[in-house]
Amino acid sequence: MSKQNSLVEAIQKLIEAILKALGHDTTKKRTWHQHVVPYEEGWAVRREGNKRITSKHRKQSTAIRKAKTLAKRYKADVIIHRESGGIRDRLSYSD
């Protein structure tokens, strides 16, 4: 049993070393912070680190409401951007 465990540990270390060499950080945890950003003719909610948007809205207030709902569910922050792209406000729902 110990030979099998040491083999599994060796394989895990090998995989981690390969991922690290390729530029993937295996210790980095993804966040659930929600960004309210200008999008086309309205506003969008986008999870931090994502390229794709979660939802799009005509009004910023609607996008903020959606972002708050998601942030509360995942104990994250809402980062509200201005139309120019700068950060206007940050609301925290983390414990």
C-alpha atoms as a PDB file:
ATOM      1  CA  MET A   1       0.000   0.000   0.000  1.00  0.00           C
ATOM      2  CA  SER A   2       2.822   2.444   0.804  1.00  0.00           C
ATOM      3  CA  LYS A   3       4.469   1.805  -2.609  1.00  0.00           C
ATOM      4  CA  GLN A   4       1.186   2.702  -4.294  1.00  0.00           C
ATOM      5  CA  ASN A   5       0.828   5.878  -2.195  1.00  0.00           C
ATOM      6  CA  SER A   6       4.388   6.962  -2.939  1.00  0.00           C
ATOM      7  CA  LEU A   7       3.810   6.341  -6.657  1.00  0.00           C
ATOM      8  CA  VAL A   8       0.656   8.485  -6.575  1.00  0.00           C
ATOM      9  CA  GLU A   9       2.532  11.255  -4.737  1.00  0.00           C
ATOM     10  CA  ALA A  10       5.375  11.105  -7.261  1.00  0.00           C
ATOM     11  CA  ILE A  11       2.920  11.383 -10.159  1.00  0.00           C
ATOM     12  CA  GLN A  12       1.169  14.344  -8.501  1.00  0.00           C
ATOM     13  CA  LYS A  13       4.508  16.125  -8.010  1.00  0.00           C
ATOM     14  CA  LEU A  14       5.443  15.436 -11.625  1.00  0.00           C
ATOM     15  CA  ILE A  15       2.149  16.873 -12.891  1.00  0.00           C
ATOM     16  CA  GLU A  16       2.556  19.967 -10.684  1.00  0.00           C
ATOM     17  CA  ALA A  17       6.120  20.471 -11.983  1.00  0.00           C
ATOM     18  CA  ILE A  18       4.946  20.200 -15.606  1.00  0.00           C
ATOM     19  CA  LEU A  19       2.085  22.658 -15.025  1.00  0.00           C
ATOM     20  CA  LYS A  20       4.432  25.087 -13.277  1.00  0.00           C
ATOM     21  CA  ALA A  21       6.910  24.859 -16.173  1.00  0.00           C
ATOM     22  CA  LEU A  22       4.075  25.654 -18.572  1.00  0.00           C
ATOM     23  CA  GLY A  23       3.148  28.732 -16.556  1.00  0.00           C
ATOM     24  CA  HIS A  24       0.106  27.365 -14.728  1.00  0.00           C
ATOM     25  CA  ASP A  25       0.028  28.196 -11.026  1.00  0.00           C
ATOM     26  CA  THR A  26      -1.579  25.236  -9.254  1.00  0.00           C
ATOM     27  CA  THR A  27      -1.799  27.087  -5.924  1.00  0.00           C
ATOM     28  CA  LYS A  28      -3.638  30.090  -7.348  1.00  0.00           C
ATOM     29  CA  LYS A  29      -7.307  30.063  -6.423  1.00  0.00           C
ATOM     30  CA  ARG A  30      -9.876  31.660  -8.706  1.00  0.00           C
ATOM     31  CA  THR A  31     -11.977  34.394  -7.207  1.00  0.00           C
ATOM     32  CA  TRP A  32     -15.668  35.022  -7.610  1.00  0.00           C
ATOM     33  CA  HIS A  33     -15.382  38.843  -7.600  1.00  0.00           C
ATOM     34  CA  GLN A  34     -17.944  40.354  -9.965  1.00  0.00           C
ATOM     35  CA  HIS A  35     -17.118  43.384 -12.132  1.00  0.00           C
ATOM     36  CA  VAL A  36     -19.790  45.715 -13.498  1.00  0.00           C
ATOM     37  CA  VAL A  37     -18.306  47.061 -16.718  1.00  0.00           C
ATOM     38  CA  PRO A  38     -19.451  49.134 -19.722  1.00  0.00           C
ATOM     39  CA  TYR A  39     -20.399  46.833 -22.590  1.00  0.00           C
ATOM     40  CA  GLU A  40     -21.597  47.808 -26.088  1.00  0.00           C
ATOM     41  CA  GLU A  41     -24.590  50.117 -25.507  1.00  0.00           C
ATOM     42  CA  GLY A  42     -25.110  49.134 -21.867  1.00  0.00           C
ATOM     43  CA  TRP A  43     -23.470  47.328 -18.962  1.00  0.00           C
ATOM     44  CA  ALA A  44     -22.258  43.824 -18.239  1.00  0.00           C
ATOM     45  CA  VAL A  45     -21.375  41.646 -15.262  1.00  0.00           C
ATOM     46  CA  ARG A  46     -18.135  39.730 -15.635  1.00  0.00           C
ATOM     47  CA  ARG A  47     -16.431  37.393 -13.179  1.00  0.00           C
ATOM     48  CA  GLU A  48     -12.878  38.426 -12.372  1.00  0.00           C
ATOM     49  CA  GLY A  49     -10.442  36.658 -14.660  1.00  0.00           C
ATOM     50  CA  ASN A  50     -13.061  35.740 -17.273  1.00  0.00           C
ATOM     51  CA  LYS A  51     -13.051  37.088 -20.812  1.00  0.00           C
ATOM     52  CA  ARG A  52     -16.703  36.218 -21.379  1.00  0.00           C
ATOM     53  CA  ILE A  53     -19.453  38.180 -19.684  1.00  0.00           C
ATOM     54  CA  THR A  54     -21.899  36.619 -17.246  1.00  0.00           C
ATOM     55  CA  SER A  55     -24.839  38.854 -18.191  1.00  0.00           C
ATOM     56  CA  LYS A  56     -25.569  42.073 -20.077  1.00  0.00           C
ATOM     57  CA  HIS A  57     -27.984  44.841 -19.092  1.00  0.00           C
ATOM     58  CA  ARG A  58     -29.319  48.124 -20.434  1.00  0.00           C
ATOM     59  CA  LYS A  59     -28.862  49.965 -17.130  1.00  0.00           C
ATOM     60  CA  GLN A  60     -25.934  49.993 -14.739  1.00  0.00           C
ATOM     61  CA  SER A  61     -28.270  49.657 -11.744  1.00  0.00           C
ATOM     62  CA  THR A  62     -29.618  46.356 -13.086  1.00  0.00           C
ATOM     63  CA  ALA A  63     -26.103  45.050 -13.662  1.00  0.00           C
ATOM     64  CA  ILE A  64     -25.132  46.062 -10.118  1.00  0.00           C
ATOM     65  CA  ARG A  65     -28.151  44.200  -8.699  1.00  0.00           C
ATOM     66  CA  LYS A  66     -27.171  41.029 -10.584  1.00  0.00           C
ATOM     67  CA  ALA A  67     -23.517  41.354  -9.493  1.00  0.00           C
ATOM     68  CA  LYS A  68     -24.587  41.791  -5.852  1.00  0.00           C
ATOM     69  CA  THR A  69     -26.688  38.627  -6.007  1.00  0.00           C
ATOM     70  CA  LEU A  70     -23.743  36.608  -7.340  1.00  0.00           C
ATOM     71  CA  ALA A  71     -21.253  38.165  -4.921  1.00  0.00           C
ATOM     72  CA  LYS A  72     -23.466  37.392  -1.923  1.00  0.00           C
ATOM     73  CA  ARG A  73     -23.856  33.779  -3.076  1.00  0.00           C
ATOM     74  CA  TYR A  74     -20.098  33.266  -3.454  1.00  0.00           C
ATOM     75  CA  LYS A  75     -18.957  35.608  -0.626  1.00  0.00           C
ATOM     76  CA  ALA A  76     -17.078  37.847  -3.028  1.00  0.00           C
ATOM     77  CA  ASP A  77     -16.774  41.533  -3.955  1.00  0.00           C
ATOM     78  CA  VAL A  78     -18.558  43.696  -6.501  1.00  0.00           C
ATOM     79  CA  ILE A  79     -16.291  46.092  -8.374  1.00  0.00           C
ATOM     80  CA  ILE A  80     -18.273  48.810 -10.140  1.00  0.00           C
ATOM     81  CA  HIS A  81     -16.542  50.551 -13.044  1.00  0.00           C
ATOM     82  CA  ARG A  82     -17.205  53.969 -14.528  1.00  0.00           C
ATOM     83  CA  GLU A  83     -18.102  54.381 -18.175  1.00  0.00           C
ATOM     84  CA  SER A  84     -14.477  55.426 -18.758  1.00  0.00           C
ATOM     85  CA  GLY A  85     -13.317  52.099 -17.298  1.00  0.00           C
ATOM     86  CA  GLY A  86     -11.969  53.341 -13.954  1.00  0.00           C
ATOM     87  CA  ILE A  87     -13.223  51.877 -10.688  1.00  0.00           C
ATOM     88  CA  ARG A  88     -16.105  53.806  -9.136  1.00  0.00           C
ATOM     89  CA  ASP A  89     -16.852  51.658  -6.086  1.00  0.00           C
ATOM     90  CA  ARG A  90     -16.158  48.297  -4.432  1.00  0.00           C
ATOM     91  CA  LEU A  91     -18.662  46.410  -2.275  1.00  0.00           C
ATOM     92  CA  SER A  92     -17.523  43.464  -0.190  1.00  0.00           C
ATOM     93  CA  TYR A  93     -19.727  40.479   0.673  1.00  0.00           C
ATOM     94  CA  SER A  94     -16.910  38.246   1.952  1.00  0.00           C
ATOM     95  CA  ASP A  95     -16.916  36.944   5.510  1.00  0.00           C
END
